[in-house]
N, C-alpha and C. Protein backbone atom coordinates (compact mmCIF):
# COMPACT_ATOMS: atom_id res chain seq x y z
N MET A 1 1.03 -1.25 0.01
CA MET A 1 -0.19 0.28 0.11
C MET A 1 0.82 1.46 -0.03
N TRP A 2 2.31 1.27 0.77
CA TRP A 2 3.14 2.15 0.08
C TRP A 2 4.00 2.31 -0.36
N ASP A 3 4.02 1.67 -1.65
CA ASP A 3 5.02 1.55 -2.33
C ASP A 3 5.18 2.61 -2.85
N ARG A 4 4.21 3.68 -3.36
CA ARG A 4 4.59 5.29 -4.13
C ARG A 4 5.46 5.74 -3.21
N PHE A 5 5.53 5.74 -1.59
CA PHE A 5 5.54 6.56 -0.83
C PHE A 5 7.21 6.13 -0.78
N LEU A 6 7.01 4.87 -0.58
CA LEU A 6 8.91 4.04 -0.11
C LEU A 6 9.79 4.58 -1.28
N ARG A 7 9.19 4.11 -2.88
CA ARG A 7 9.73 3.92 -4.09
C ARG A 7 10.32 5.79 -4.12
N ALA A 8 9.22 6.70 -3.86
CA ALA A 8 9.89 8.30 -4.12
C ALA A 8 10.82 8.27 -3.26
N CYS A 9 10.78 7.57 -2.22
CA CYS A 9 12.33 7.94 -1.63
C CYS A 9 12.88 7.74 -1.85
N ARG A 10 13.30 6.76 -2.17
CA ARG A 10 14.34 6.01 -2.84
C ARG A 10 14.69 6.75 -4.29
N ARG A 11 14.17 8.25 -4.93
CA ARG A 11 14.17 8.41 -6.25
C ARG A 11 13.90 7.22 -7.24
N GLU A 12 12.77 6.51 -7.07
CA GLU A 12 12.96 5.76 -8.06
C GLU A 12 11.65 5.99 -9.12
N PRO A 13 10.75 5.27 -10.44
CA PRO A 13 10.04 5.84 -11.05
C PRO A 13 8.63 6.03 -10.06
N VAL A 14 8.24 6.61 -9.89
CA VAL A 14 6.45 6.58 -9.42
C VAL A 14 5.57 6.87 -10.01
N ASP A 15 3.89 6.72 -10.28
CA ASP A 15 3.05 6.84 -11.06
C ASP A 15 2.47 8.21 -10.45
N ALA A 16 2.88 8.78 -8.90
CA ALA A 16 2.62 10.34 -8.43
C ALA A 16 2.91 10.54 -8.23
N THR A 17 3.97 11.69 -8.13
CA THR A 17 4.98 12.23 -7.21
C THR A 17 3.92 12.54 -5.62
N PRO A 18 4.58 11.95 -4.43
CA PRO A 18 3.94 12.55 -3.42
C PRO A 18 4.61 13.95 -2.74
N VAL A 19 3.38 14.07 -2.35
CA VAL A 19 3.64 15.68 -2.03
C VAL A 19 3.06 16.17 -0.21
N TRP A 20 4.30 16.57 0.34
CA TRP A 20 3.96 17.04 1.84
C TRP A 20 3.13 18.10 1.96
N PHE A 21 2.33 18.20 2.72
CA PHE A 21 1.16 19.42 2.72
C PHE A 21 1.92 19.31 5.26
N MET A 22 2.02 20.58 5.19
CA MET A 22 1.99 20.77 6.44
C MET A 22 0.66 20.79 7.21
N ARG A 23 0.38 20.13 8.44
CA ARG A 23 -1.21 20.71 8.76
C ARG A 23 -1.32 20.60 9.69
N GLN A 24 -2.34 20.96 10.51
CA GLN A 24 -2.81 21.06 11.79
C GLN A 24 -4.11 20.64 12.32
N ALA A 25 -3.69 19.37 13.19
CA ALA A 25 -4.92 18.37 12.45
C ALA A 25 -6.15 19.26 14.13
N GLY A 26 -5.55 19.71 14.83
CA GLY A 26 -6.17 20.82 15.60
C GLY A 26 -7.37 21.56 14.71
N ARG A 27 -6.82 21.73 14.15
CA ARG A 27 -7.72 22.52 13.15
C ARG A 27 -8.73 22.29 12.03
N TYR A 28 -8.91 20.78 11.93
CA TYR A 28 -9.84 20.52 11.09
C TYR A 28 -10.26 19.05 11.16
N MET A 29 -9.54 18.47 12.11
CA MET A 29 -10.03 17.39 12.40
C MET A 29 -10.64 16.82 13.84
N GLU A 30 -12.00 16.51 13.42
CA GLU A 30 -13.26 17.12 14.99
C GLU A 30 -12.49 15.68 15.80
N GLU A 31 -11.99 14.71 15.03
CA GLU A 31 -11.86 13.31 16.26
C GLU A 31 -10.36 13.68 16.83
N TYR A 32 -9.76 14.46 16.26
CA TYR A 32 -8.36 14.38 16.91
C TYR A 32 -8.60 15.69 18.10
N ARG A 33 -9.06 16.78 17.41
CA ARG A 33 -9.87 17.86 18.87
C ARG A 33 -10.76 17.00 19.98
N ALA A 34 -11.56 15.93 19.57
CA ALA A 34 -12.03 15.34 20.62
C ALA A 34 -10.88 14.43 21.80
N LEU A 35 -10.42 13.74 20.73
CA LEU A 35 -9.15 13.48 22.25
C LEU A 35 -8.57 14.37 22.96
N ARG A 36 -8.19 15.75 22.22
CA ARG A 36 -7.71 16.43 22.96
C ARG A 36 -8.61 17.61 23.84
N LYS A 37 -9.60 17.30 24.02
CA LYS A 37 -11.03 17.70 25.13
C LYS A 37 -10.29 16.57 26.55
N LYS A 38 -10.23 15.58 25.97
CA LYS A 38 -10.06 14.42 27.27
C LYS A 38 -8.14 14.51 27.33
N HIS A 39 -7.38 14.42 26.46
CA HIS A 39 -6.08 14.86 26.67
C HIS A 39 -5.11 15.32 26.57
N THR A 40 -3.86 15.64 27.36
CA THR A 40 -2.76 16.27 26.88
C THR A 40 -2.14 15.69 25.85
N LEU A 41 -1.52 17.22 25.42
CA LEU A 41 -0.39 16.21 24.32
C LEU A 41 0.82 15.22 24.79
N ILE A 42 1.56 15.63 26.03
CA ILE A 42 1.81 14.51 26.23
C ILE A 42 1.24 13.50 26.76
N GLU A 43 0.10 13.64 27.04
CA GLU A 43 -0.54 11.87 27.43
C GLU A 43 -0.84 11.57 26.21
N LEU A 44 -1.04 12.03 24.77
CA LEU A 44 -1.11 11.56 23.45
C LEU A 44 -0.23 10.78 23.52
N CYS A 45 1.12 11.72 23.34
CA CYS A 45 2.10 10.98 22.85
C CYS A 45 2.61 10.09 23.64
N LYS A 46 2.39 10.03 24.80
CA LYS A 46 3.02 8.72 25.96
C LYS A 46 2.46 7.56 25.86
N ASN A 47 1.13 7.91 25.20
CA ASN A 47 0.20 6.11 25.66
C ASN A 47 -0.15 5.85 23.90
N PRO A 48 0.68 4.71 24.04
CA PRO A 48 1.07 4.63 22.17
C PRO A 48 -0.12 4.04 21.73
N GLU A 49 -1.73 3.35 22.14
CA GLU A 49 -2.61 3.69 21.59
C GLU A 49 -3.10 4.76 20.93
N LEU A 50 -2.84 5.70 22.02
CA LEU A 50 -3.31 7.04 21.53
C LEU A 50 -2.94 7.87 20.10
N ALA A 51 -1.21 7.46 20.69
CA ALA A 51 -0.31 7.90 19.22
C ALA A 51 -0.93 7.15 18.31
N THR A 52 -1.00 6.18 18.37
CA THR A 52 -1.69 5.56 16.78
C THR A 52 -2.58 5.73 16.71
N GLU A 53 -3.52 5.98 17.27
CA GLU A 53 -4.97 6.70 17.33
C GLU A 53 -4.87 7.88 16.13
N VAL A 54 -3.76 8.40 16.91
CA VAL A 54 -3.67 10.16 15.70
C VAL A 54 -3.26 9.94 14.41
N THR A 55 -1.92 8.79 14.77
CA THR A 55 -1.22 9.06 13.37
C THR A 55 -2.36 8.36 12.62
N LEU A 56 -3.14 7.26 12.80
CA LEU A 56 -3.76 7.05 11.50
C LEU A 56 -4.99 7.76 11.12
N GLN A 57 -5.37 8.98 11.84
CA GLN A 57 -6.13 9.45 11.58
C GLN A 57 -6.61 9.89 10.34
N PRO A 58 -5.62 10.85 9.81
CA PRO A 58 -5.92 11.69 8.74
C PRO A 58 -5.55 9.88 7.39
N VAL A 59 -4.55 9.20 7.47
CA VAL A 59 -4.48 8.14 6.53
C VAL A 59 -6.18 7.58 6.48
N LYS A 60 -7.11 7.43 7.45
CA LYS A 60 -8.67 6.51 7.29
C LYS A 60 -9.34 7.58 6.51
N ALA A 61 -9.22 9.26 7.07
CA ALA A 61 -10.05 10.55 6.58
C ALA A 61 -9.48 10.63 4.96
N LEU A 62 -8.72 10.59 5.10
CA LEU A 62 -8.40 11.36 3.41
C LEU A 62 -6.89 10.43 2.34
N GLY A 63 -7.25 9.08 3.12
CA GLY A 63 -6.12 8.01 1.72
C GLY A 63 -5.07 8.90 1.37
N VAL A 64 -3.82 9.39 2.36
CA VAL A 64 -2.35 9.75 2.17
C VAL A 64 -1.70 7.94 1.79
N ASP A 65 -0.45 8.89 1.50
CA ASP A 65 0.48 8.11 0.73
C ASP A 65 1.00 7.40 1.73
N ALA A 66 1.27 8.21 3.21
CA ALA A 66 2.00 7.85 4.17
C ALA A 66 1.81 8.09 5.66
N ALA A 67 1.78 7.30 6.69
CA ALA A 67 1.37 7.94 7.83
C ALA A 67 2.65 8.96 8.72
N ILE A 68 2.38 9.73 9.10
CA ILE A 68 3.04 10.81 9.99
C ILE A 68 2.85 10.22 11.64
N LEU A 69 4.28 9.90 12.26
CA LEU A 69 4.05 9.37 13.74
C LEU A 69 3.66 10.30 14.48
N PHE A 70 2.71 10.36 15.58
CA PHE A 70 2.33 11.40 16.46
C PHE A 70 3.24 11.05 17.45
N ALA A 71 4.19 12.49 17.31
CA ALA A 71 4.90 12.39 18.34
C ALA A 71 5.32 13.96 18.37
N ASP A 72 6.47 14.50 19.40
CA ASP A 72 6.99 16.04 19.64
C ASP A 72 8.51 15.44 19.47
N ILE A 73 8.95 16.81 19.11
CA ILE A 73 10.45 16.51 18.66
C ILE A 73 11.21 16.99 20.08
N LEU A 74 10.48 17.07 20.53
CA LEU A 74 11.29 17.61 22.19
C LEU A 74 11.24 16.49 22.73
N LEU A 75 10.35 15.18 22.80
CA LEU A 75 10.46 14.36 23.64
C LEU A 75 11.39 13.46 24.23
N PRO A 76 13.04 13.28 23.74
CA PRO A 76 14.01 13.20 24.10
C PRO A 76 14.47 13.53 25.13
N LEU A 77 14.18 15.12 24.99
CA LEU A 77 14.66 16.15 26.66
C LEU A 77 14.36 15.36 28.18
N GLU A 78 13.58 14.78 28.09
CA GLU A 78 13.13 14.47 28.87
C GLU A 78 14.63 13.11 29.74
N PRO A 79 14.29 11.93 29.03
CA PRO A 79 15.23 11.35 29.40
C PRO A 79 16.80 11.95 29.68
N LEU A 80 16.53 12.32 28.40
CA LEU A 80 18.08 13.55 28.65
C LEU A 80 18.64 13.93 30.07
N GLY A 81 17.54 14.41 30.37
CA GLY A 81 18.16 14.93 31.80
C GLY A 81 17.02 16.72 31.81
N ALA A 82 16.86 16.90 30.89
CA ALA A 82 16.26 18.47 30.44
C ALA A 82 15.26 17.79 30.49
N PRO A 83 13.80 17.92 31.59
CA PRO A 83 12.50 17.80 31.02
C PRO A 83 11.68 19.38 31.32
N PHE A 84 10.91 18.86 30.70
CA PHE A 84 9.87 20.28 30.08
C PHE A 84 8.26 19.74 30.24
N GLU A 85 7.69 21.00 30.06
CA GLU A 85 6.63 21.08 30.02
C GLU A 85 5.47 21.68 28.70
N PHE A 86 4.20 21.34 28.21
CA PHE A 86 3.67 22.59 27.99
C PHE A 86 2.71 23.34 28.32
N ALA A 87 3.21 24.49 28.73
CA ALA A 87 2.17 25.25 29.53
C ALA A 87 1.29 25.68 28.89
N ALA A 88 -0.01 25.92 29.56
CA ALA A 88 -1.21 26.51 28.62
C ALA A 88 -0.87 28.19 28.36
N GLY A 89 -1.14 28.45 27.28
CA GLY A 89 -0.82 29.38 26.58
C GLY A 89 0.39 30.47 26.37
N GLU A 90 1.55 28.80 26.62
CA GLU A 90 2.73 29.68 26.52
C GLU A 90 3.69 28.66 25.62
N GLY A 91 2.97 27.49 25.49
CA GLY A 91 4.32 26.35 24.74
C GLY A 91 5.10 25.57 25.24
N PRO A 92 5.68 24.79 25.12
CA PRO A 92 6.88 24.07 25.83
C PRO A 92 7.64 24.97 27.03
N VAL A 93 8.21 24.63 28.14
CA VAL A 93 8.66 25.30 28.74
C VAL A 93 10.08 24.59 29.21
N ILE A 94 10.95 24.65 29.10
CA ILE A 94 12.44 23.27 29.58
C ILE A 94 12.43 24.53 31.04
N HIS A 95 12.69 22.99 31.78
CA HIS A 95 12.86 23.85 33.18
C HIS A 95 14.36 23.44 33.47
N ALA A 96 15.07 23.11 32.84
CA ALA A 96 16.41 23.26 32.49
C ALA A 96 17.28 23.82 31.28
N PRO A 97 17.16 24.71 31.09
CA PRO A 97 17.58 25.28 29.82
C PRO A 97 19.18 24.78 29.65
N VAL A 98 19.69 24.14 28.22
CA VAL A 98 20.95 24.16 27.83
C VAL A 98 21.37 25.61 27.16
N ARG A 99 22.40 25.97 27.98
CA ARG A 99 22.62 27.27 27.73
C ARG A 99 24.36 27.49 27.16
N ASP A 100 24.74 25.94 27.76
CA ASP A 100 26.85 26.12 27.60
C ASP A 100 27.26 24.54 27.74
N LYS A 101 27.83 25.02 27.50
CA LYS A 101 28.80 23.63 27.65
C LYS A 101 28.85 22.74 28.97
N ALA A 102 28.42 23.98 30.09
CA ALA A 102 28.48 22.57 31.76
C ALA A 102 26.81 21.96 31.17
N GLY A 103 26.38 22.66 30.42
CA GLY A 103 24.79 22.32 30.78
C GLY A 103 24.97 20.80 29.95
N VAL A 104 25.77 20.52 28.73
CA VAL A 104 25.94 19.71 27.19
C VAL A 104 26.31 18.27 28.16
N ASP A 105 27.18 18.69 29.33
CA ASP A 105 28.24 18.01 29.77
C ASP A 105 26.88 17.06 30.43
N LYS A 106 25.68 17.78 31.14
CA LYS A 106 24.84 17.28 32.29
C LYS A 106 23.80 16.10 31.44
N LEU A 107 23.91 16.59 29.94
CA LEU A 107 23.30 15.41 29.78
C LEU A 107 23.65 14.13 29.44
N ARG A 108 22.58 13.02 29.78
CA ARG A 108 23.03 11.72 29.76
C ARG A 108 22.38 11.26 28.27
N LEU A 109 23.05 9.88 28.34
CA LEU A 109 22.64 9.25 27.53
C LEU A 109 22.06 7.91 27.97
N PHE A 110 20.80 7.16 26.86
CA PHE A 110 19.58 6.15 27.91
C PHE A 110 19.47 5.51 26.20
N ALA A 111 18.86 4.48 26.50
CA ALA A 111 18.48 3.37 25.54
C ALA A 111 17.79 3.58 25.16
N PRO A 112 16.85 3.49 23.52
CA PRO A 112 15.77 3.80 24.03
C PRO A 112 14.60 3.11 24.04
N GLU A 113 14.62 2.06 24.40
CA GLU A 113 13.42 1.13 25.21
C GLU A 113 13.08 1.85 26.72
N GLU A 114 14.38 2.48 27.18
CA GLU A 114 14.66 3.11 28.73
C GLU A 114 13.90 4.22 28.78
N GLY A 115 14.01 5.37 27.57
CA GLY A 115 13.78 6.77 27.29
C GLY A 115 12.35 7.16 26.62
N LEU A 116 12.49 5.97 25.91
CA LEU A 116 11.58 6.40 24.74
C LEU A 116 10.80 5.17 24.63
N GLY A 117 10.74 4.44 24.93
CA GLY A 117 9.70 2.85 25.19
C GLY A 117 8.23 2.77 24.41
N TYR A 118 7.75 4.13 24.44
CA TYR A 118 6.34 4.36 24.06
C TYR A 118 6.37 4.98 22.98
N VAL A 119 7.46 5.53 22.85
CA VAL A 119 7.39 5.58 20.89
C VAL A 119 7.92 4.85 20.08
N LEU A 120 8.22 3.80 20.57
CA LEU A 120 8.80 2.60 20.22
C LEU A 120 7.17 1.61 20.18
N ALA A 121 7.24 1.55 20.85
CA ALA A 121 5.31 1.00 21.25
C ALA A 121 4.67 1.70 20.28
N ALA A 122 4.47 2.97 19.75
CA ALA A 122 3.71 3.10 19.18
C ALA A 122 4.09 3.07 17.91
N ILE A 123 5.44 2.80 17.12
CA ILE A 123 5.82 2.47 16.26
C ILE A 123 5.48 0.72 15.73
N ARG A 124 5.60 0.40 16.39
CA ARG A 124 4.97 -1.39 16.40
C ARG A 124 3.66 -1.06 16.20
N LEU A 125 3.18 -0.56 16.68
CA LEU A 125 1.88 -0.63 16.64
C LEU A 125 1.19 -0.01 15.54
N ILE A 126 1.52 0.96 14.93
CA ILE A 126 0.98 1.70 13.50
C ILE A 126 1.54 0.53 12.62
N ARG A 127 3.19 -0.41 12.76
CA ARG A 127 3.41 -1.13 11.30
C ARG A 127 2.47 -2.11 11.70
N LYS A 128 1.63 -2.21 12.75
CA LYS A 128 0.91 -3.56 12.28
C LYS A 128 -0.32 -2.84 11.57
N GLU A 129 -0.96 -1.93 11.80
CA GLU A 129 -2.04 -1.53 11.29
C GLU A 129 -1.54 -0.77 9.54
N LEU A 130 -0.52 -0.50 9.57
CA LEU A 130 -0.31 0.32 8.16
C LEU A 130 0.43 -1.13 7.37
N ASP A 131 1.29 -2.03 7.83
CA ASP A 131 1.88 -3.60 7.10
C ASP A 131 2.76 -2.51 6.47
N GLY A 132 3.65 -2.25 6.44
CA GLY A 132 5.17 -1.68 6.50
C GLY A 132 5.83 -0.59 7.12
N ILE A 133 6.58 0.07 7.01
CA ILE A 133 7.38 1.24 7.84
C ILE A 133 6.92 2.45 7.62
N PRO A 134 6.24 3.50 8.62
CA PRO A 134 5.82 4.57 8.46
C PRO A 134 7.36 5.70 8.16
N GLY A 135 7.13 6.41 6.75
CA GLY A 135 8.59 7.11 6.43
C GLY A 135 8.56 8.44 7.11
N ALA A 136 9.82 9.04 7.50
CA ALA A 136 10.66 9.96 7.20
C ALA A 136 11.11 11.39 8.15
N LEU A 137 11.90 11.02 9.39
CA LEU A 137 12.00 11.68 10.41
C LEU A 137 14.25 12.23 10.10
N ALA A 138 13.81 13.48 9.98
CA ALA A 138 15.27 13.65 9.63
C ALA A 138 15.34 15.13 9.64
N GLY A 139 14.06 16.11 9.27
CA GLY A 139 13.99 17.54 8.76
C GLY A 139 14.98 18.15 10.15
N ASP A 140 13.89 18.08 11.14
CA ASP A 140 13.99 19.02 11.99
C ASP A 140 15.64 18.59 13.23
N GLU A 141 15.81 17.37 12.67
CA GLU A 141 16.80 16.35 13.34
C GLU A 141 17.87 16.89 12.66
N GLY A 142 18.35 17.38 11.50
CA GLY A 142 19.10 17.53 10.63
C GLY A 142 19.36 19.51 10.48
N GLY A 143 19.03 20.00 11.04
CA GLY A 143 19.31 21.40 11.15
C GLY A 143 18.17 21.85 12.08
N ALA A 144 17.81 21.74 13.21
CA ALA A 144 17.29 22.69 13.85
C ALA A 144 15.59 23.53 13.40
N GLY A 145 14.93 22.21 12.42
CA GLY A 145 13.78 23.19 11.88
C GLY A 145 14.04 23.62 10.53
N ASP A 146 14.95 24.52 10.26
CA ASP A 146 15.56 25.21 9.06
C ASP A 146 15.38 24.89 7.55
N GLY A 147 15.55 25.90 6.92
CA GLY A 147 16.06 24.98 4.97
C GLY A 147 17.19 24.11 5.59
N ALA A 148 18.19 24.56 6.28
CA ALA A 148 19.60 23.65 5.91
C ALA A 148 19.14 22.17 6.32
N GLY A 149 18.09 22.02 7.10
CA GLY A 149 17.90 20.27 7.71
C GLY A 149 16.62 19.75 6.71
N ALA A 150 16.43 20.55 6.22
CA ALA A 150 15.47 20.19 4.69
C ALA A 150 16.27 19.56 4.05
N GLN A 151 17.31 20.30 3.85
CA GLN A 151 18.46 19.55 2.90
C GLN A 151 18.93 18.74 3.19
N HIS A 152 19.30 18.36 4.14
CA HIS A 152 20.21 17.58 5.20
C HIS A 152 19.22 16.08 4.92
N ALA A 153 18.08 16.34 5.00
CA ALA A 153 17.28 15.14 5.21
C ALA A 153 16.89 15.02 3.38
N ASP A 154 17.06 15.86 2.70
CA ASP A 154 16.39 15.01 1.12
C ASP A 154 17.53 14.29 0.77
N HIS A 155 18.84 14.36 1.45
CA HIS A 155 20.23 13.45 1.07
C HIS A 155 19.50 12.28 2.31
N TRP A 156 19.64 12.14 3.34
CA TRP A 156 19.26 11.24 4.03
C TRP A 156 18.58 10.23 4.10
N ARG A 157 17.34 10.79 3.13
CA ARG A 157 16.27 9.74 2.66
C ARG A 157 16.09 8.86 2.00
N THR A 158 17.02 9.11 0.89
CA THR A 158 17.54 8.40 -0.12
C THR A 158 18.84 7.15 0.00
N GLN A 159 19.02 7.48 1.21
CA GLN A 159 20.10 6.54 1.85
C GLN A 159 19.85 5.17 2.67
N PRO A 160 19.69 3.89 2.26
CA PRO A 160 19.34 2.69 3.40
C PRO A 160 19.79 2.97 4.40
N GLY A 161 19.16 2.93 5.88
CA GLY A 161 19.87 3.43 6.60
C GLY A 161 20.29 4.60 7.28
N CYS A 162 19.94 5.63 6.96
CA CYS A 162 20.26 6.80 6.57
C CYS A 162 20.00 7.49 8.22
N VAL A 163 18.62 7.14 8.92
CA VAL A 163 18.97 7.55 10.13
C VAL A 163 20.07 7.08 11.41
N ARG A 164 20.34 5.95 10.89
CA ARG A 164 21.42 4.93 11.47
C ARG A 164 22.13 6.01 11.75
N THR A 165 22.55 6.05 10.45
CA THR A 165 24.68 6.44 10.06
C THR A 165 24.57 8.25 10.21
N GLY A 166 23.24 8.59 10.80
CA GLY A 166 23.31 10.34 11.24
C GLY A 166 22.90 10.59 12.58
N ASN A 167 23.36 9.45 13.68
CA ASN A 167 23.45 9.56 15.12
C ASN A 167 24.51 10.17 15.64
N HIS A 168 24.54 11.35 15.59
CA HIS A 168 25.49 12.22 16.57
C HIS A 168 24.47 13.14 17.71
N GLY A 169 25.05 13.52 18.35
CA GLY A 169 24.70 14.56 19.69
C GLY A 169 22.67 13.97 19.93
N PHE A 170 22.52 15.59 19.75
CA PHE A 170 21.05 15.08 20.07
C PHE A 170 20.15 14.40 19.00
N SER A 171 20.07 14.26 17.95
CA SER A 171 19.74 13.62 17.05
C SER A 171 19.71 12.02 17.25
N GLY A 172 21.31 11.67 17.82
CA GLY A 172 21.02 10.35 18.28
C GLY A 172 20.31 9.11 18.98
N ALA A 173 19.66 10.22 19.89
CA ALA A 173 18.67 9.54 20.64
C ALA A 173 17.22 9.61 19.95
N GLY A 174 17.06 9.53 18.55
CA GLY A 174 15.50 9.75 18.13
C GLY A 174 16.14 8.68 16.62
N GLY A 175 17.37 8.77 16.36
CA GLY A 175 18.01 7.89 15.55
C GLY A 175 17.70 6.51 15.76
N HIS A 176 17.90 6.39 17.30
CA HIS A 176 17.80 4.73 17.54
C HIS A 176 17.02 4.17 17.99
N ALA A 177 16.08 5.36 17.92
CA ALA A 177 14.56 4.84 18.77
C ALA A 177 14.38 4.26 17.65
N CYS A 178 14.46 4.98 16.07
CA CYS A 178 13.46 4.24 15.27
C CYS A 178 13.81 3.37 14.12
N ASN A 179 15.34 3.17 14.61
CA ASN A 179 15.81 1.93 13.69
C ASN A 179 15.89 0.51 15.05
N SER A 180 15.68 1.00 16.38
CA SER A 180 15.03 0.36 16.91
C SER A 180 13.81 -0.40 17.02
N ALA A 181 13.10 0.09 16.72
CA ALA A 181 11.60 0.26 16.30
C ALA A 181 11.65 -1.12 14.92
N THR A 182 12.48 -0.53 14.27
CA THR A 182 12.15 -1.45 12.73
C THR A 182 13.54 -2.29 12.57
N SER A 183 14.08 -2.94 13.22
CA SER A 183 14.71 -3.27 13.06
C SER A 183 15.03 -4.39 12.20
N ASP A 184 13.57 -4.79 12.05
CA ASP A 184 13.19 -6.38 10.91
C ASP A 184 12.85 -5.67 10.17
N ALA A 185 13.49 -4.89 9.85
CA ALA A 185 13.00 -4.18 8.08
C ALA A 185 13.56 -5.06 7.24
N ALA A 186 13.56 -5.12 6.07
CA ALA A 186 14.45 -5.32 5.11
C ALA A 186 15.81 -4.56 4.83
N PRO A 187 17.13 -5.26 4.52
CA PRO A 187 17.71 -4.74 4.68
C PRO A 187 18.33 -3.17 3.96
N ASP A 188 17.41 -3.52 2.60
CA ASP A 188 17.52 -2.03 1.12
C ASP A 188 16.28 -1.29 1.72
N SER A 189 15.31 -1.59 3.02
CA SER A 189 14.80 -0.73 3.07
C SER A 189 14.70 0.90 3.97
N PRO A 190 14.19 2.09 3.90
CA PRO A 190 14.08 2.91 4.20
C PRO A 190 14.34 2.77 5.71
N ARG A 191 14.92 3.25 6.86
CA ARG A 191 14.80 2.71 7.72
C ARG A 191 14.55 4.41 8.84
N ASN A 192 13.91 5.18 8.18
CA ASN A 192 13.04 6.18 8.73
C ASN A 192 11.84 5.92 9.29
N CYS A 193 11.38 7.45 10.22
CA CYS A 193 10.25 7.44 10.86
C CYS A 193 9.80 8.22 10.72
N ALA A 194 8.73 8.88 10.53
CA ALA A 194 8.23 10.60 10.45
C ALA A 194 7.44 11.08 11.83
N THR A 195 8.18 11.43 12.29
CA THR A 195 7.24 12.96 13.08
C THR A 195 6.38 13.86 13.13
N HIS A 196 5.53 13.72 14.25
CA HIS A 196 4.53 15.36 13.86
C HIS A 196 3.93 15.35 15.17
N ASP A 197 3.87 16.86 15.33
CA ASP A 197 3.36 17.53 16.44
C ASP A 197 2.32 18.50 16.11
N ASP A 198 1.07 18.27 16.55
CA ASP A 198 -0.27 18.10 16.27
C ASP A 198 -0.74 19.33 17.40
N SER A 199 0.40 19.97 17.87
CA SER A 199 -0.55 20.72 19.31
C SER A 199 -1.27 21.89 18.80
């Protein structure tokens, strides 16, 4: 079902070119807004069943070519030792911001199952639902969400095992997590995961 998207990621011929539209589910999906009335963003992210449900909402409603894992780019901060919260009306608040080398030195490495086990569980559930691998985390981690990140991601997405070879610094946690959850993928399959923030 997801052959078109995966072939496009590898720059192989496709019958139609997939395009990426940034979306805010809270603005147009009634079913997402209903969940947000009952759960905070973090609760949705940390509950694999709920994260799977939100991930699949646009797939079922719109019939898109790929699913985007419902998560948040800040999730690795907590196991790294930099806890945060989403304050009402303010957005993310990092309680111990990293502003110098001393702050970086205080961060700790963690095993994916230890610190982001709920993300891995969601990926596995989504894969069962889709009978395939969700596609492409790298843009934000490749360059802090700017144009440079997108340029790096364009290259990474075409390389088998690209997230694994890109595991350095902050991106290491996310890359290891994705590869842990997709370890049974075929050797030539893109081992990528997509993240999505619908705050």
